[in-house]
Amino acid sequence: MSRRERLLTIFACGALTALLLYPISFHPGQHVRADSSDGQFSLWNVAWVARTIVADPVHLFDANIFYPHRGTLLYSEANLVAGALAAPAYWATRNPYIAHNTVVLLVFFLSALGTYLLSVYLTGNRWAAAVSAICFAFCPFLFAHTTHIQLLMTPGIPFSMLAFHRMADQPTRGRAVALALAMTFTAFCCAYYGVFVMMLVGWAVLVTAGARRLWTDARYWSAVAIAAAVAAAVVLPLFVPYLLLQRSGGFDRPLAESGRYAADWHSYLASAGRAHQWMMPYVRPWRDVAFPGFVATVFGLGRLSTAWRLRGRPAEIVMLYGSLAVLAFWASFGPAAWLYSLFFYTMPGFTLLRAPVRFALIVAFALSVLTAQAMAALLPRVRWPAWVGALVVALAVADHLVPLNFPPPVTPSPAYRVLSELPRAPVIEMPFFERSLFYSRHTIYMLMSTTHWMPLVNGYSDYFPPEFGETAVALAPFPYPGAFEVAQRLGVRYAMFHLNVYDPKTRAELEERLRQFAGRLRPLYADDQTRLYEILQTESPR
């Protein structure tokens, strides 16, 4: 690939990203998914890593939630790569929304670039590769999960498979290490995708060995062993803490729970794309979005249906990605279809997962590669291949247009600015949601903490400290004698009350308690909606 072609490819991937992610691409600080607990969590998570990886890397994993616990970033997906990618934008603007959306734009761009390079390597056809890149990088599944930054981190999948094919074609030590690094990058991006890539590459190793009769090829298996060893050595330090936490009771993912997050036939017809809206009344209800798009489905399945006529390298590629599409589709239906159960009991790291429907992304990926194969076979047979290629690219773009009607970001209360200028100390935010059904509402406090980064007793994650429920119940009526004792034991210095969140009766009771305990609370800020106090410490009884 010449320098000019490389620049054109980068420009085209950037232009597609800007088009398909409008208005985020033009107004990254004004349109964010902060309207749900998952979106608020992702914004906080990325901002925490982006800030702390520069300001205090030694305490990167000691996130400012669930005080006084440490290592709390590991209570959920750490999103280290997303945070690192966001760091330049965060430190340039100190804006968590711009930092987060910068990563969103970057990973969509890189995913399109990686899929394009993979498809060019496999087909040698630029138009085919362009269609493939659009079909995977902007598939409906991803737009349905814009509140989950880890699920948008897809670039490692095509780059890992590109590295595998390069290694299989020329099994050198350097290419083996490149494959290992691509796989570990994927694992650090998203635990789910790390497991998926391990399975993809493992299956590709076997299929390629069978198709090329490499069972006794020492160079091939030596390269595979080097890639596996290097990947394991780099990834294990990250996954060991998660496995230890799982053994202590965290991240418990029983197989039966996976059934709630499995795909069904409705899912594979569900999409938020403009071109797919006419189908939605006919497929309700659906569990998740898994439709690969019309272009990928028609061309991908079309190529798979002709596999029996193929020979040589095209047959090998179609066999590999066709079998991957079938196996991923099968596994996405969860325990009821039993293949997922087999993976659960035999695959390392699989017990950390719980959403079989996420295999739908691998279905979309495999179909996108098959689409490139179909296009590469079709275009040489038509009279005007460039015009046909451009037409299919336009159809693919239209097939993947999704309206991104994101609301404007939440404006922090002025109380947070006041808090940011105070000496660093633990904070409680009220109401302190004590019922597990409402634990997720703590994420708004986490997002607002990006203005001050004080330690929070509040918190939300996949795993909760064992005593969090008791602490929440004890602090919920604050200010109250028992709640003061718990706050003092935890070393809490500041308490912020969001009066507009309370119902009228509870708010009146709260304001009466605030007057009753005025001697133990020093006002720092007050308006109609928010109150900020310093908790005055008293000596513990002897």
Protein backbone atom coordinates (compact mmCIF):
# COMPACT_ATOMS: atom_id res chain seq x y z
CA MET A 1 0.00 0.00 0.00
CA SER A 2 1.50 3.30 -1.11
CA ARG A 3 1.75 6.36 1.10
CA ARG A 4 -0.96 8.09 -0.92
CA GLU A 5 -3.29 5.13 -0.50
CA ARG A 6 -2.60 4.99 3.23
CA LEU A 7 -3.49 8.66 3.61
CA LEU A 8 -6.66 8.22 1.53
CA THR A 9 -7.66 5.22 3.63
CA ILE A 10 -7.18 7.12 6.87
CA PHE A 11 -9.10 10.10 5.50
CA ALA A 12 -11.97 7.88 4.29
CA CYS A 13 -12.26 6.08 7.64
CA GLY A 14 -12.22 9.44 9.43
CA ALA A 15 -14.87 10.89 7.12
CA LEU A 16 -17.12 7.85 7.60
CA THR A 17 -16.72 8.09 11.37
CA ALA A 18 -17.60 11.78 11.32
CA LEU A 19 -20.66 11.13 9.17
CA LEU A 20 -22.06 8.10 11.00
CA LEU A 21 -21.38 9.47 14.48
CA TYR A 22 -22.84 12.94 13.91
CA PRO A 23 -23.48 15.02 16.07
CA ILE A 24 -20.86 13.56 18.44
CA SER A 25 -18.16 14.10 15.84
CA PHE A 26 -18.86 17.85 15.59
CA HIS A 27 -20.01 18.58 19.16
CA PRO A 28 -18.27 16.07 21.46
CA GLY A 29 -18.93 18.12 24.60
CA GLN A 30 -22.62 18.66 23.97
CA HIS A 31 -24.02 15.19 23.18
CA VAL A 32 -23.36 12.31 25.58
CA ARG A 33 -25.16 9.27 26.94
CA ALA A 34 -25.39 10.61 30.49
CA ASP A 35 -29.11 9.84 30.70
CA SER A 36 -28.67 6.35 32.19
CA SER A 37 -26.68 4.76 35.00
CA ASP A 38 -24.54 2.77 32.54
CA GLY A 39 -23.70 5.90 30.58
CA GLN A 40 -22.87 7.85 33.74
CA PHE A 41 -20.67 4.99 34.94
CA SER A 42 -18.75 4.88 31.64
CA LEU A 43 -18.17 8.63 31.68
CA TRP A 44 -16.86 8.50 35.24
CA ASN A 45 -14.72 5.41 34.56
CA VAL A 46 -12.98 6.85 31.51
CA ALA A 47 -12.42 10.20 33.22
CA TRP A 48 -10.98 8.53 36.34
CA VAL A 49 -8.43 6.53 34.35
CA ALA A 50 -7.59 9.47 32.05
CA ARG A 51 -6.91 11.69 35.05
CA THR A 52 -5.22 9.26 37.41
CA ILE A 53 -2.98 7.51 34.89
CA VAL A 54 -1.16 10.87 34.65
CA ALA A 55 -1.76 12.51 38.04
CA ASP A 56 -1.35 9.51 40.36
CA PRO A 57 -0.64 6.26 38.48
CA VAL A 58 0.38 4.41 41.67
CA HIS A 59 -3.23 4.66 42.87
CA LEU A 60 -4.87 4.09 39.50
CA PHE A 61 -6.93 1.16 40.77
CA ASP A 62 -7.99 2.96 43.98
CA ALA A 63 -10.97 4.69 42.40
CA ASN A 64 -12.83 7.31 44.42
CA ILE A 65 -15.89 5.15 45.19
CA PHE A 66 -16.87 2.87 48.07
CA TYR A 67 -14.54 4.74 50.44
CA PRO A 68 -12.58 3.51 52.43
CA HIS A 69 -12.11 0.45 50.18
CA ARG A 70 -9.15 0.31 47.81
CA GLY A 71 -8.79 -1.34 44.44
CA THR A 72 -12.36 -0.36 43.62
CA LEU A 73 -11.66 0.24 39.92
CA LEU A 74 -11.39 -3.55 39.64
CA TYR A 75 -14.96 -3.98 40.89
CA SER A 76 -15.99 -3.66 37.23
CA GLU A 77 -14.33 -3.44 33.81
CA ALA A 78 -11.28 -1.23 34.38
CA ASN A 79 -11.36 0.33 30.87
CA LEU A 80 -7.64 1.06 31.02
CA VAL A 81 -7.21 1.45 27.26
CA ALA A 82 -10.23 3.74 26.95
CA GLY A 83 -8.93 5.90 29.77
CA ALA A 84 -5.42 6.04 28.33
CA LEU A 85 -6.79 7.05 24.92
CA ALA A 86 -8.90 9.73 26.60
CA ALA A 87 -6.01 11.20 28.61
CA PRO A 88 -4.85 13.81 26.05
CA ALA A 89 -8.38 15.16 25.55
CA TYR A 90 -9.09 15.09 29.29
CA TRP A 91 -5.97 17.01 30.25
CA ALA A 92 -6.50 19.49 27.41
CA THR A 93 -10.08 20.28 28.44
CA ARG A 94 -10.71 18.72 31.90
CA ASN A 95 -14.08 17.84 30.40
CA PRO A 96 -15.18 14.21 30.96
CA TYR A 97 -17.70 14.39 28.11
CA ILE A 98 -15.17 15.48 25.50
CA ALA A 99 -12.66 12.94 26.81
CA HIS A 100 -15.18 10.10 26.57
CA ASN A 101 -16.47 11.04 23.13
CA THR A 102 -12.94 11.40 21.80
CA VAL A 103 -12.43 7.73 22.62
CA VAL A 104 -15.76 6.79 21.03
CA LEU A 105 -14.77 8.49 17.78
CA LEU A 106 -11.27 7.04 17.85
CA VAL A 107 -12.33 3.42 18.37
CA PHE A 108 -14.97 3.55 15.63
CA PHE A 109 -12.30 4.97 13.31
CA LEU A 110 -9.73 2.32 14.28
CA SER A 111 -12.26 -0.48 13.93
CA ALA A 112 -13.11 0.65 10.41
CA LEU A 113 -9.41 0.94 9.58
CA GLY A 114 -8.61 -2.49 11.03
CA THR A 115 -11.46 -4.22 9.20
CA TYR A 116 -10.46 -2.51 5.96
CA LEU A 117 -6.84 -3.63 6.28
CA LEU A 118 -7.91 -7.18 7.16
CA SER A 119 -10.24 -7.41 4.16
CA VAL A 120 -7.66 -5.92 1.79
CA TYR A 121 -5.16 -8.49 3.01
CA LEU A 122 -7.62 -11.34 2.43
CA THR A 123 -9.11 -10.17 -0.89
CA GLY A 124 -6.85 -7.53 -2.41
CA ASN A 125 -9.99 -5.59 -3.38
CA ARG A 126 -10.38 -2.04 -2.03
CA TRP A 127 -14.12 -1.70 -2.71
CA ALA A 128 -14.81 -5.03 -1.01
CA ALA A 129 -12.72 -3.97 1.97
CA ALA A 130 -14.56 -0.64 2.24
CA VAL A 131 -17.96 -2.36 2.39
CA SER A 132 -16.65 -4.83 4.97
CA ALA A 133 -15.28 -2.02 7.14
CA ILE A 134 -18.61 -0.20 7.18
CA CYS A 135 -20.57 -3.37 7.95
CA PHE A 136 -18.53 -4.25 11.02
CA ALA A 137 -17.25 -0.98 12.46
CA PHE A 138 -20.70 0.65 12.41
CA CYS A 139 -22.93 -2.38 12.98
CA PRO A 140 -26.25 -1.83 14.83
CA PHE A 141 -25.06 -3.79 17.89
CA LEU A 142 -22.51 -1.10 18.70
CA PHE A 143 -24.93 1.80 18.37
CA ALA A 144 -27.24 -0.02 20.78
CA HIS A 145 -24.46 -0.03 23.39
CA THR A 146 -23.20 3.54 23.35
CA THR A 147 -23.61 3.61 27.15
CA HIS A 148 -21.02 0.82 27.51
CA ILE A 149 -17.62 2.16 26.51
CA GLN A 150 -16.04 -1.30 26.83
CA LEU A 151 -18.41 -2.73 24.20
CA LEU A 152 -17.39 -0.05 21.73
CA MET A 153 -13.72 -1.07 21.99
CA THR A 154 -13.78 -3.34 18.92
CA PRO A 155 -10.58 -2.47 16.98
CA GLY A 156 -8.62 -5.33 18.51
CA ILE A 157 -10.85 -7.91 16.83
CA PRO A 158 -9.98 -7.15 13.19
CA PHE A 159 -6.38 -6.27 14.03
CA SER A 160 -5.96 -9.58 15.90
CA MET A 161 -7.30 -11.57 12.97
CA LEU A 162 -5.11 -9.59 10.57
CA ALA A 163 -2.10 -10.43 12.74
CA PHE A 164 -3.12 -14.10 12.77
CA HIS A 165 -3.40 -14.34 8.98
CA ARG A 166 -0.04 -12.65 8.56
CA MET A 167 1.52 -15.07 11.02
CA ALA A 168 -0.12 -18.09 9.37
CA ASP A 169 1.17 -17.00 5.94
CA GLN A 170 4.68 -16.39 7.24
CA PRO A 171 5.15 -17.92 10.72
CA THR A 172 8.02 -15.87 12.12
CA ARG A 173 8.77 -14.97 15.71
CA GLY A 174 8.10 -11.28 15.06
CA ARG A 175 4.67 -11.94 13.59
CA ALA A 176 3.84 -14.23 16.49
CA VAL A 177 4.67 -11.45 18.95
CA ALA A 178 2.58 -9.03 16.89
CA LEU A 179 -0.39 -11.40 17.19
CA ALA A 180 0.15 -11.68 20.94
CA LEU A 181 0.22 -7.91 21.35
CA ALA A 182 -2.95 -7.49 19.28
CA MET A 183 -4.72 -10.08 21.43
CA THR A 184 -3.57 -8.51 24.69
CA PHE A 185 -4.61 -5.07 23.46
CA THR A 186 -8.08 -6.49 22.85
CA ALA A 187 -8.20 -8.04 26.32
CA PHE A 188 -7.20 -4.77 27.95
CA CYS A 189 -9.89 -3.00 25.92
CA CYS A 190 -12.72 -5.32 26.96
CA ALA A 191 -12.74 -8.58 28.89
CA TYR A 192 -15.52 -9.98 26.70
CA TYR A 193 -13.63 -9.23 23.53
CA GLY A 194 -10.44 -10.63 25.03
CA VAL A 195 -12.20 -13.96 25.54
CA PHE A 196 -13.79 -13.75 22.09
CA VAL A 197 -10.45 -13.09 20.38
CA MET A 198 -8.85 -15.99 22.23
CA MET A 199 -11.62 -18.21 20.85
CA LEU A 200 -11.43 -16.70 17.34
CA VAL A 201 -7.69 -17.16 17.07
CA GLY A 202 -7.82 -20.62 18.64
CA TRP A 203 -10.41 -21.75 16.13
CA ALA A 204 -8.51 -20.10 13.27
CA VAL A 205 -5.35 -21.96 14.25
CA LEU A 206 -7.15 -25.30 13.94
CA VAL A 207 -9.06 -24.49 10.73
CA THR A 208 -5.92 -23.14 9.03
CA ALA A 209 -3.88 -26.14 10.12
CA GLY A 210 -6.51 -28.45 8.69
CA ALA A 211 -6.99 -26.54 5.44
CA ARG A 212 -3.24 -26.26 4.74
CA ARG A 213 -2.20 -29.61 6.28
CA LEU A 214 0.08 -27.91 8.79
CA TRP A 215 -0.31 -30.49 11.58
CA THR A 216 3.38 -31.38 11.41
CA ASP A 217 4.73 -27.94 10.47
CA ALA A 218 7.13 -27.04 13.28
CA ARG A 219 7.43 -23.36 12.25
CA TYR A 220 3.67 -22.86 12.33
CA TRP A 221 3.16 -24.44 15.75
CA SER A 222 6.23 -22.74 17.16
CA ALA A 223 4.79 -19.36 16.14
CA VAL A 224 1.43 -20.29 17.65
CA ALA A 225 3.12 -21.29 20.92
CA ILE A 226 5.10 -18.03 21.08
CA ALA A 227 1.94 -15.98 20.48
CA ALA A 228 0.05 -17.89 23.19
CA ALA A 229 2.89 -17.61 25.71
CA VAL A 230 3.48 -13.89 25.20
CA ALA A 231 -0.26 -13.11 25.32
CA ALA A 232 -0.71 -15.10 28.53
CA ALA A 233 2.31 -13.45 30.17
CA VAL A 234 0.99 -9.95 29.43
CA VAL A 235 -2.70 -10.55 30.17
CA LEU A 236 -2.51 -12.64 33.34
CA PRO A 237 -1.39 -9.78 35.64
CA LEU A 238 -4.62 -7.97 34.77
CA PHE A 239 -6.95 -10.96 35.03
CA VAL A 240 -5.54 -12.50 38.21
CA PRO A 241 -7.08 -9.78 40.46
CA TYR A 242 -10.47 -10.36 38.81
CA LEU A 243 -10.18 -14.12 39.32
CA LEU A 244 -9.22 -13.63 42.97
CA LEU A 245 -12.14 -11.28 43.46
CA GLN A 246 -14.43 -13.84 41.84
CA ARG A 247 -13.26 -16.54 44.24
CA SER A 248 -13.95 -14.25 47.19
CA GLY A 249 -17.55 -13.82 46.10
CA GLY A 250 -17.35 -11.06 43.50
CA PHE A 251 -18.24 -11.40 39.82
CA ASP A 252 -20.26 -14.51 40.51
CA ARG A 253 -21.79 -15.37 37.13
CA PRO A 254 -23.90 -18.53 37.50
CA LEU A 255 -24.78 -20.20 34.22
CA ALA A 256 -28.52 -19.89 34.85
CA GLU A 257 -28.21 -16.09 34.97
CA SER A 258 -26.91 -16.05 31.39
CA GLY A 259 -30.32 -17.05 30.09
CA ARG A 260 -31.63 -13.57 30.90
CA TYR A 261 -29.05 -12.02 28.58
CA ALA A 262 -29.28 -14.45 25.67
CA ALA A 263 -30.37 -13.62 22.14
CA ASP A 264 -33.58 -14.80 20.52
CA TRP A 265 -34.81 -14.61 16.94
CA HIS A 266 -36.29 -11.17 17.65
CA SER A 267 -32.82 -9.89 18.53
CA TYR A 268 -31.42 -10.77 15.11
CA LEU A 269 -34.00 -8.54 13.46
CA ALA A 270 -33.78 -5.65 15.95
CA SER A 271 -31.92 -2.46 15.08
CA ALA A 272 -32.11 1.29 15.62
CA GLY A 273 -30.97 2.01 12.07
CA ARG A 274 -33.07 4.35 9.96
CA ALA A 275 -33.30 1.75 7.20
CA HIS A 276 -34.54 -0.90 9.62
CA GLN A 277 -37.30 0.94 11.45
CA TRP A 278 -40.05 -0.56 9.31
CA MET A 279 -39.23 -4.01 10.76
CA MET A 280 -39.51 -3.05 14.41
CA PRO A 281 -43.30 -3.42 14.84
CA TYR A 282 -43.01 -7.01 13.60
CA VAL A 283 -40.20 -8.16 15.89
CA ARG A 284 -41.24 -6.80 19.30
CA PRO A 285 -40.31 -7.67 21.96
CA TRP A 286 -36.55 -8.15 21.60
CA ARG A 287 -33.88 -8.67 24.25
CA ASP A 288 -31.05 -6.85 22.52
CA VAL A 289 -30.00 -5.51 19.14
CA ALA A 290 -28.20 -8.11 17.02
CA PHE A 291 -29.20 -7.43 13.40
CA PRO A 292 -26.02 -7.35 11.26
CA GLY A 293 -27.57 -5.09 8.62
CA PHE A 294 -29.02 -5.93 5.20
CA VAL A 295 -25.77 -5.62 3.25
CA ALA A 296 -23.76 -7.91 5.54
CA THR A 297 -26.60 -10.42 5.81
CA VAL A 298 -27.30 -10.66 2.07
CA PHE A 299 -23.69 -10.67 0.85
CA GLY A 300 -22.31 -12.66 3.80
CA LEU A 301 -24.89 -15.42 3.67
CA GLY A 302 -24.76 -15.35 -0.12
CA ARG A 303 -21.03 -16.05 -0.07
CA LEU A 304 -21.47 -18.75 2.56
CA SER A 305 -24.07 -20.49 0.38
CA THR A 306 -21.51 -20.81 -2.45
CA ALA A 307 -18.72 -22.18 -0.26
CA TRP A 308 -19.06 -25.70 -1.67
CA ARG A 309 -17.86 -24.46 -5.08
CA LEU A 310 -14.69 -22.77 -3.80
CA ARG A 311 -11.14 -24.07 -3.79
CA GLY A 312 -7.84 -22.87 -2.38
CA ARG A 313 -7.48 -19.76 -0.24
CA PRO A 314 -11.03 -18.43 -0.85
CA ALA A 315 -12.42 -21.75 0.36
CA GLU A 316 -10.24 -21.59 3.47
CA ILE A 317 -11.34 -18.04 4.34
CA VAL A 318 -15.02 -18.75 3.77
CA MET A 319 -14.77 -21.97 5.77
CA LEU A 320 -13.11 -20.14 8.66
CA TYR A 321 -15.40 -17.12 8.85
CA GLY A 322 -18.51 -19.07 7.92
CA SER A 323 -17.91 -21.50 10.78
CA LEU A 324 -17.19 -18.57 13.12
CA ALA A 325 -20.51 -16.96 12.16
CA VAL A 326 -22.40 -20.20 12.78
CA LEU A 327 -20.71 -20.96 16.12
CA ALA A 328 -21.12 -17.39 17.40
CA PHE A 329 -24.78 -17.35 16.33
CA TRP A 330 -25.32 -20.65 18.14
CA ALA A 331 -23.55 -19.50 21.31
CA SER A 332 -25.49 -16.23 21.41
CA PHE A 333 -28.66 -18.12 22.31
CA GLY A 334 -27.17 -18.97 25.69
CA PRO A 335 -27.55 -22.06 27.89
CA ALA A 336 -30.78 -23.14 26.19
CA ALA A 337 -28.79 -23.95 23.05
CA TRP A 338 -26.11 -25.81 25.13
CA LEU A 339 -23.01 -24.65 23.17
CA TYR A 340 -22.69 -21.68 25.51
CA SER A 341 -22.87 -24.11 28.45
CA LEU A 342 -19.99 -26.11 26.95
CA PHE A 343 -17.90 -22.94 26.69
CA PHE A 344 -18.86 -21.95 30.24
CA TYR A 345 -17.46 -25.16 31.72
CA THR A 346 -14.39 -25.56 29.51
CA MET A 347 -13.08 -22.13 28.40
CA PRO A 348 -10.71 -20.14 30.68
CA GLY A 349 -12.23 -16.81 31.75
CA PHE A 350 -15.69 -17.69 30.48
CA THR A 351 -17.22 -17.70 33.96
CA LEU A 352 -16.57 -13.94 34.15
CA LEU A 353 -19.10 -13.41 31.34
CA ARG A 354 -22.88 -13.40 31.54
CA ALA A 355 -24.32 -11.95 28.30
CA PRO A 356 -24.41 -14.55 25.47
CA VAL A 357 -26.07 -12.04 23.13
CA ARG A 358 -22.72 -10.25 22.81
CA PHE A 359 -21.62 -13.07 20.53
CA ALA A 360 -23.80 -11.24 17.99
CA LEU A 361 -20.87 -8.89 17.45
CA ILE A 362 -18.78 -11.84 16.24
CA VAL A 363 -21.61 -12.82 13.92
CA ALA A 364 -21.51 -9.31 12.45
CA PHE A 365 -17.71 -9.46 12.19
CA ALA A 366 -17.68 -12.81 10.40
CA LEU A 367 -20.44 -11.73 8.01
CA SER A 368 -18.53 -8.53 7.22
CA VAL A 369 -15.46 -10.55 6.21
CA LEU A 370 -17.66 -12.88 4.14
CA THR A 371 -19.18 -9.78 2.53
CA ALA A 372 -15.72 -8.72 1.41
CA GLN A 373 -15.21 -12.19 -0.07
CA ALA A 374 -18.52 -11.92 -1.94
CA MET A 375 -17.71 -8.45 -3.27
CA ALA A 376 -14.22 -9.53 -4.35
CA ALA A 377 -15.77 -12.38 -6.34
CA LEU A 378 -18.56 -10.24 -7.82
CA LEU A 379 -16.78 -7.07 -8.95
CA PRO A 380 -14.41 -8.66 -11.53
CA ARG A 381 -17.47 -10.12 -13.26
CA VAL A 382 -19.40 -6.89 -13.76
CA ARG A 383 -18.92 -4.36 -16.56
CA TRP A 384 -18.28 -1.33 -14.33
CA PRO A 385 -16.72 -2.66 -11.12
CA ALA A 386 -15.86 0.78 -9.72
CA TRP A 387 -19.43 2.02 -10.14
CA VAL A 388 -20.88 -1.14 -8.62
CA GLY A 389 -18.39 -0.95 -5.75
CA ALA A 390 -19.27 2.67 -5.07
CA LEU A 391 -22.98 1.82 -5.18
CA VAL A 392 -22.61 -0.96 -2.61
CA VAL A 393 -20.53 1.33 -0.39
CA ALA A 394 -23.34 3.90 -0.54
CA LEU A 395 -25.89 1.21 0.29
CA ALA A 396 -23.77 0.08 3.23
CA VAL A 397 -23.57 3.65 4.55
CA ALA A 398 -27.34 4.05 4.24
CA ASP A 399 -27.79 0.66 5.92
CA HIS A 400 -25.83 1.83 8.97
CA LEU A 401 -27.21 5.31 9.57
CA VAL A 402 -28.49 5.55 13.14
CA PRO A 403 -30.05 8.71 14.63
CA LEU A 404 -27.91 9.64 17.64
CA ASN A 405 -30.35 11.75 19.61
CA PHE A 406 -28.20 12.13 22.71
CA PRO A 407 -29.33 14.69 25.30
CA PRO A 408 -27.09 17.55 26.41
CA PRO A 409 -24.88 16.75 29.42
CA VAL A 410 -25.97 17.37 32.98
CA THR A 411 -24.84 20.73 34.38
CA PRO A 412 -23.17 20.25 37.78
CA SER A 413 -24.55 22.19 40.72
CA PRO A 414 -22.39 25.15 41.83
CA ALA A 415 -21.97 23.21 45.08
CA TYR A 416 -19.53 20.92 43.27
CA ARG A 417 -17.31 23.86 42.37
CA VAL A 418 -17.29 24.86 46.03
CA LEU A 419 -16.45 21.30 47.03
CA SER A 420 -13.57 21.14 44.55
CA GLU A 421 -11.85 24.05 46.34
CA LEU A 422 -12.02 22.47 49.81
CA PRO A 423 -9.38 20.28 51.47
CA ARG A 424 -9.53 16.69 50.21
CA ALA A 425 -11.70 14.50 52.44
CA PRO A 426 -14.42 11.82 52.14
CA VAL A 427 -17.90 12.82 50.98
CA ILE A 428 -21.41 11.38 51.25
CA GLU A 429 -24.09 12.45 48.78
CA MET A 430 -27.72 12.35 49.79
CA PRO A 431 -30.12 10.77 49.29
CA PHE A 432 -27.96 7.74 49.96
CA PHE A 433 -29.95 5.12 48.06
CA GLU A 434 -30.10 2.16 50.43
CA ARG A 435 -32.30 -0.29 48.51
CA SER A 436 -30.40 -2.54 46.10
CA LEU A 437 -33.01 -1.83 43.43
CA PHE A 438 -31.83 1.81 43.42
CA TYR A 439 -28.07 1.32 43.88
CA SER A 440 -27.52 2.30 40.24
CA ARG A 441 -28.70 5.84 41.04
CA HIS A 442 -25.37 6.44 42.81
CA THR A 443 -23.76 6.75 39.36
CA ILE A 444 -24.89 10.37 39.02
CA TYR A 445 -22.83 11.19 42.11
CA MET A 446 -19.88 9.37 40.55
CA LEU A 447 -20.20 11.38 37.35
CA MET A 448 -20.44 14.65 39.28
CA SER A 449 -17.35 13.67 41.27
CA THR A 450 -15.31 14.34 38.12
CA THR A 451 -15.53 18.02 39.13
CA HIS A 452 -13.75 17.46 42.47
CA TRP A 453 -12.40 13.84 42.69
CA MET A 454 -13.06 13.63 46.42
CA PRO A 455 -13.37 10.11 47.91
CA LEU A 456 -17.02 9.00 47.87
CA VAL A 457 -18.65 6.59 50.29
CA ASN A 458 -21.29 6.24 47.59
CA GLY A 459 -20.63 3.97 44.65
CA TYR A 460 -21.92 1.56 42.06
CA SER A 461 -20.23 -1.27 40.20
CA ASP A 462 -20.59 -4.92 39.20
CA TYR A 463 -19.33 -5.88 42.64
CA PHE A 464 -20.19 -4.26 45.98
CA PRO A 465 -18.23 -4.46 49.23
CA PRO A 466 -19.94 -6.93 51.59
CA GLU A 467 -20.91 -4.25 54.12
CA PHE A 468 -22.13 -1.69 51.57
CA GLY A 469 -25.77 -2.58 52.15
CA GLU A 470 -25.48 -2.05 55.91
CA THR A 471 -23.60 1.21 55.42
CA ALA A 472 -26.22 2.47 52.98
CA VAL A 473 -29.07 1.69 55.39
CA ALA A 474 -27.22 3.38 58.25
CA LEU A 475 -26.43 6.55 56.27
CA ALA A 476 -29.80 6.87 54.52
CA PRO A 477 -31.48 8.89 57.35
CA PHE A 478 -28.51 11.28 57.75
CA PRO A 479 -28.47 13.57 59.69
CA TYR A 480 -29.44 11.26 62.54
CA PRO A 481 -27.51 10.10 65.64
CA GLY A 482 -26.75 6.61 64.30
CA ALA A 483 -25.85 7.99 60.87
CA PHE A 484 -23.49 10.54 62.48
CA GLU A 485 -21.70 7.68 64.22
CA VAL A 486 -21.22 5.78 60.96
CA ALA A 487 -20.06 8.90 59.13
CA GLN A 488 -17.59 9.70 61.91
CA ARG A 489 -16.27 6.12 61.90
CA LEU A 490 -15.68 6.37 58.14
CA GLY A 491 -14.01 9.77 58.47
CA VAL A 492 -16.61 11.55 56.33
CA ARG A 493 -16.11 15.31 56.33
CA TYR A 494 -18.60 16.62 53.74
CA ALA A 495 -22.26 15.89 53.10
CA MET A 496 -24.14 17.10 50.02
CA PHE A 497 -27.95 16.99 49.89
CA HIS A 498 -29.91 17.09 46.63
CA LEU A 499 -33.24 18.37 47.92
CA ASN A 500 -34.95 18.15 44.52
CA VAL A 501 -34.56 14.36 44.53
CA TYR A 502 -36.62 13.90 47.71
CA ASP A 503 -40.41 13.71 47.58
CA PRO A 504 -42.17 16.63 49.37
CA LYS A 505 -42.88 14.73 52.60
CA THR A 506 -39.35 13.29 52.92
CA ARG A 507 -37.83 16.66 52.03
CA ALA A 508 -39.79 18.37 54.81
CA GLU A 509 -38.60 15.72 57.30
CA LEU A 510 -35.02 16.16 56.10
CA GLU A 511 -35.09 19.94 56.47
CA GLU A 512 -36.44 19.54 59.99
CA ARG A 513 -33.52 17.21 60.86
CA LEU A 514 -31.06 19.66 59.30
CA ARG A 515 -32.40 22.37 61.63
CA GLN A 516 -32.32 19.96 64.59
CA PHE A 517 -28.66 19.04 64.04
CA ALA A 518 -27.51 22.48 62.88
CA GLY A 519 -24.89 22.53 65.61
CA ARG A 520 -23.10 19.55 64.03
CA LEU A 521 -23.23 20.79 60.42
CA ARG A 522 -21.43 23.86 59.08
CA PRO A 523 -23.11 25.24 55.91
CA LEU A 524 -20.79 25.62 52.92
CA TYR A 525 -23.29 26.16 50.13
CA ALA A 526 -27.07 26.38 49.80
CA ASP A 527 -29.65 27.01 47.09
CA ASP A 528 -33.16 25.76 46.39
CA GLN A 529 -31.93 22.37 45.20
CA THR A 530 -28.58 21.65 46.85
CA ARG A 531 -27.02 21.97 50.30
CA LEU A 532 -23.38 21.32 51.13
CA TYR A 533 -22.22 20.93 54.73
CA GLU A 534 -19.06 20.17 56.61
CA ILE A 535 -19.68 17.57 59.29
CA LEU A 536 -18.24 18.84 62.57
CA GLN A 537 -16.43 16.06 64.33
CA THR A 538 -17.21 15.26 67.95
CA GLU A 539 -15.10 13.29 70.36
CA SER A 540 -16.02 9.64 70.59
CA PRO A 541 -17.34 8.59 74.02
CA ARG A 542 -14.73 6.89 76.17
